[in-house]
């Protein structure tokens, strides 16, 4: 199971309305809000790198980003 799949399964237990909207960029709809999901494996010790896509915010395509850091148990929201 991919990190994205395990994250979706975990969040599906906590939100009544969640679905995948697109794969690239990875946009999910959680409780009627678009969010961009970013996943990363550990790169160097406790550091993770994520791409930034300002156009998603600027064009109001998403309301927030989910950053999943190495495990579906470690999620940050921005």
N, C-alpha and C. Protein backbone atom coordinates (compact mmCIF):
# COMPACT_ATOMS: atom_id res chain seq x y z
N UNK A 1 0.85 -1.18 0.00
CA UNK A 1 0.00 0.00 0.00
C UNK A 1 0.90 1.24 0.00
N UNK A 2 0.58 2.19 -0.84
CA UNK A 2 1.37 3.42 -0.92
C UNK A 2 1.06 4.32 0.28
N UNK A 3 1.94 5.29 0.49
CA UNK A 3 1.74 6.26 1.56
C UNK A 3 0.45 7.05 1.32
N UNK A 4 0.17 7.37 0.08
CA UNK A 4 -1.05 8.07 -0.27
C UNK A 4 -2.29 7.22 0.07
N UNK A 5 -2.25 5.95 -0.29
CA UNK A 5 -3.38 5.05 -0.02
C UNK A 5 -3.61 4.87 1.48
N UNK A 6 -2.55 4.69 2.24
CA UNK A 6 -2.71 4.50 3.69
C UNK A 6 -3.22 5.77 4.35
N UNK A 7 -2.81 6.93 3.84
CA UNK A 7 -3.30 8.20 4.36
C UNK A 7 -4.78 8.36 4.07
N UNK A 8 -5.19 8.02 2.85
CA UNK A 8 -6.60 8.11 2.48
C UNK A 8 -7.43 7.20 3.38
N UNK A 9 -6.97 5.98 3.61
CA UNK A 9 -7.70 5.04 4.45
C UNK A 9 -7.81 5.57 5.89
N UNK A 10 -6.75 6.15 6.40
CA UNK A 10 -6.78 6.71 7.76
C UNK A 10 -7.75 7.88 7.85
N UNK A 11 -7.69 8.80 6.90
CA UNK A 11 -8.57 9.97 6.94
C UNK A 11 -10.03 9.58 6.69
N UNK A 12 -10.23 8.53 5.92
CA UNK A 12 -11.59 8.05 5.64
C UNK A 12 -12.30 7.61 6.92
N UNK A 13 -11.56 7.22 7.93
CA UNK A 13 -12.14 6.81 9.21
C UNK A 13 -12.60 8.03 10.02
N UNK A 14 -12.02 9.20 9.74
CA UNK A 14 -12.29 10.39 10.55
C UNK A 14 -13.20 11.41 9.88
N UNK A 15 -13.36 11.32 8.58
CA UNK A 15 -14.20 12.27 7.85
C UNK A 15 -15.28 11.50 7.11
N UNK A 16 -16.51 11.99 7.22
CA UNK A 16 -17.63 11.29 6.57
C UNK A 16 -17.64 11.50 5.06
N UNK A 17 -17.08 12.62 4.61
CA UNK A 17 -17.09 12.93 3.18
C UNK A 17 -15.66 13.18 2.71
N UNK A 18 -15.08 12.17 2.08
CA UNK A 18 -13.74 12.32 1.50
C UNK A 18 -13.70 11.54 0.19
N UNK A 19 -13.14 12.19 -0.83
CA UNK A 19 -12.98 11.49 -2.11
C UNK A 19 -11.80 12.08 -2.87
N UNK A 20 -11.28 11.29 -3.78
CA UNK A 20 -10.16 11.73 -4.59
C UNK A 20 -10.70 12.44 -5.83
N UNK A 21 -10.19 13.63 -6.10
CA UNK A 21 -10.65 14.41 -7.25
C UNK A 21 -9.69 14.29 -8.43
N UNK A 22 -8.37 14.37 -8.17
CA UNK A 22 -7.39 14.24 -9.26
C UNK A 22 -6.11 13.62 -8.73
N UNK A 23 -5.34 13.07 -9.66
CA UNK A 23 -4.08 12.42 -9.29
C UNK A 23 -2.87 13.33 -9.40
N UNK A 24 -2.89 14.24 -10.37
CA UNK A 24 -1.74 15.12 -10.56
C UNK A 24 -2.22 16.51 -10.97
N UNK A 25 -2.23 17.46 -10.09
CA UNK A 25 -1.81 17.34 -8.70
C UNK A 25 -2.83 16.52 -7.90
N UNK A 26 -2.35 15.95 -6.81
CA UNK A 26 -3.19 15.09 -5.98
C UNK A 26 -4.14 15.97 -5.17
N UNK A 27 -5.38 16.06 -5.62
CA UNK A 27 -6.39 16.87 -4.94
C UNK A 27 -7.49 15.95 -4.44
N UNK A 28 -7.75 16.06 -3.15
CA UNK A 28 -8.83 15.33 -2.51
C UNK A 28 -9.86 16.33 -2.03
N UNK A 29 -11.09 15.90 -1.93
CA UNK A 29 -12.15 16.72 -1.36
C UNK A 29 -12.49 16.14 0.01
N UNK A 30 -12.28 16.96 1.04
CA UNK A 30 -12.56 16.54 2.41
C UNK A 30 -13.61 17.49 2.96
N UNK A 31 -14.76 16.95 3.31
CA UNK A 31 -15.88 17.75 3.82
C UNK A 31 -16.14 18.99 2.96
N UNK A 32 -16.22 18.79 1.67
CA UNK A 32 -16.54 19.83 0.68
C UNK A 32 -15.43 20.85 0.43
N UNK A 33 -14.23 20.62 0.93
CA UNK A 33 -13.10 21.52 0.69
C UNK A 33 -12.02 20.80 -0.11
N UNK A 34 -11.54 21.44 -1.18
CA UNK A 34 -10.44 20.87 -1.95
C UNK A 34 -9.14 21.03 -1.17
N UNK A 35 -8.35 19.97 -1.13
CA UNK A 35 -7.03 20.07 -0.52
C UNK A 35 -6.02 19.35 -1.41
N UNK A 36 -4.80 19.84 -1.36
CA UNK A 36 -3.71 19.22 -2.12
C UNK A 36 -2.93 18.35 -1.14
N UNK A 37 -2.79 17.08 -1.47
CA UNK A 37 -2.11 16.14 -0.59
C UNK A 37 -0.70 15.93 -1.11
N UNK A 38 0.27 16.15 -0.23
CA UNK A 38 1.69 15.96 -0.56
C UNK A 38 2.25 14.89 0.35
N UNK A 39 2.90 13.91 -0.21
CA UNK A 39 3.53 12.85 0.58
C UNK A 39 5.02 12.83 0.32
N UNK A 40 5.78 12.49 1.36
CA UNK A 40 7.23 12.39 1.20
C UNK A 40 7.79 11.36 2.16
N UNK A 41 8.75 10.62 1.68
CA UNK A 41 9.50 9.71 2.53
C UNK A 41 10.64 10.49 3.18
N UNK A 42 11.19 9.91 4.22
CA UNK A 42 12.30 10.56 4.90
C UNK A 42 13.48 10.69 3.93
N UNK A 43 14.02 11.89 3.81
CA UNK A 43 15.13 12.14 2.88
C UNK A 43 16.48 12.11 3.59
N UNK A 44 16.54 12.76 4.72
CA UNK A 44 17.79 12.86 5.44
C UNK A 44 17.46 13.10 6.91
N UNK A 45 17.70 12.11 7.72
CA UNK A 45 17.36 12.16 9.14
C UNK A 45 15.89 12.52 9.31
N UNK A 46 15.58 13.67 9.86
CA UNK A 46 14.18 14.06 10.09
C UNK A 46 13.72 15.14 9.13
N UNK A 47 14.30 15.18 7.94
CA UNK A 47 13.94 16.22 6.97
C UNK A 47 13.11 15.62 5.83
N UNK A 48 12.14 16.40 5.39
CA UNK A 48 11.29 16.02 4.27
C UNK A 48 11.24 17.19 3.30
N UNK A 49 11.15 16.90 2.01
CA UNK A 49 11.07 17.95 1.00
C UNK A 49 9.78 17.79 0.23
N UNK A 50 9.09 18.91 0.02
CA UNK A 50 7.84 18.92 -0.73
C UNK A 50 7.92 19.99 -1.80
N UNK A 51 7.34 19.72 -2.94
CA UNK A 51 7.21 20.74 -3.99
C UNK A 51 6.17 21.76 -3.54
N UNK A 52 6.34 22.96 -3.99
CA UNK A 52 5.37 24.02 -3.70
C UNK A 52 4.68 24.40 -5.00
N UNK A 53 3.36 24.52 -4.96
CA UNK A 53 2.59 24.89 -6.14
C UNK A 53 1.72 26.09 -5.79
N UNK A 54 2.29 27.28 -5.81
CA UNK A 54 1.52 28.47 -5.42
C UNK A 54 0.26 28.68 -6.25
N UNK A 55 0.25 28.25 -7.49
CA UNK A 55 -0.92 28.48 -8.35
C UNK A 55 -2.18 27.81 -7.79
N UNK A 56 -2.01 26.72 -7.03
CA UNK A 56 -3.18 26.07 -6.44
C UNK A 56 -3.88 27.00 -5.46
N UNK A 57 -3.10 27.75 -4.69
CA UNK A 57 -3.68 28.74 -3.77
C UNK A 57 -4.16 29.97 -4.55
N UNK A 58 -3.30 30.47 -5.41
CA UNK A 58 -3.59 31.71 -6.13
C UNK A 58 -4.86 31.60 -6.96
N UNK A 59 -5.12 30.47 -7.53
CA UNK A 59 -6.30 30.28 -8.37
C UNK A 59 -7.48 29.70 -7.58
N UNK A 60 -7.34 29.67 -6.26
CA UNK A 60 -8.39 29.15 -5.38
C UNK A 60 -8.81 27.73 -5.72
N UNK A 61 -7.85 26.92 -6.16
CA UNK A 61 -8.16 25.52 -6.47
C UNK A 61 -8.23 24.68 -5.21
N UNK A 62 -7.50 25.07 -4.17
CA UNK A 62 -7.51 24.33 -2.91
C UNK A 62 -7.64 25.30 -1.74
N UNK A 63 -8.19 24.80 -0.64
CA UNK A 63 -8.31 25.60 0.58
C UNK A 63 -7.13 25.36 1.52
N UNK A 64 -6.54 24.16 1.43
CA UNK A 64 -5.41 23.84 2.31
C UNK A 64 -4.59 22.71 1.71
N UNK A 65 -3.41 22.53 2.28
CA UNK A 65 -2.49 21.45 1.89
C UNK A 65 -2.36 20.47 3.04
N UNK A 66 -2.26 19.20 2.73
CA UNK A 66 -1.92 18.17 3.71
C UNK A 66 -0.52 17.67 3.36
N UNK A 67 0.38 17.75 4.32
CA UNK A 67 1.74 17.26 4.13
C UNK A 67 1.89 15.99 4.96
N UNK A 68 2.11 14.87 4.30
CA UNK A 68 2.24 13.58 4.97
C UNK A 68 3.72 13.23 4.99
N UNK A 69 4.27 13.12 6.18
CA UNK A 69 5.72 12.97 6.35
C UNK A 69 6.12 11.56 6.73
N UNK A 70 6.33 10.72 5.73
CA UNK A 70 6.86 9.38 5.94
C UNK A 70 5.89 8.33 6.43
N UNK A 71 4.80 8.77 7.05
CA UNK A 71 3.81 7.85 7.63
C UNK A 71 2.46 8.54 7.64
N UNK A 72 1.41 7.75 7.52
CA UNK A 72 0.07 8.34 7.56
C UNK A 72 -0.28 8.85 8.96
N UNK A 73 0.58 8.58 9.92
CA UNK A 73 0.39 9.06 11.29
C UNK A 73 0.94 10.47 11.48
N UNK A 74 1.74 10.95 10.54
CA UNK A 74 2.37 12.27 10.66
C UNK A 74 1.86 13.16 9.53
N UNK A 75 0.88 13.99 9.85
CA UNK A 75 0.25 14.86 8.86
C UNK A 75 0.23 16.29 9.38
N UNK A 76 0.68 17.20 8.52
CA UNK A 76 0.63 18.62 8.84
C UNK A 76 -0.32 19.31 7.87
N UNK A 77 -1.03 20.30 8.35
CA UNK A 77 -1.98 21.04 7.53
C UNK A 77 -1.52 22.47 7.40
N UNK A 78 -1.59 22.99 6.18
CA UNK A 78 -1.21 24.39 5.98
C UNK A 78 -2.26 25.07 5.13
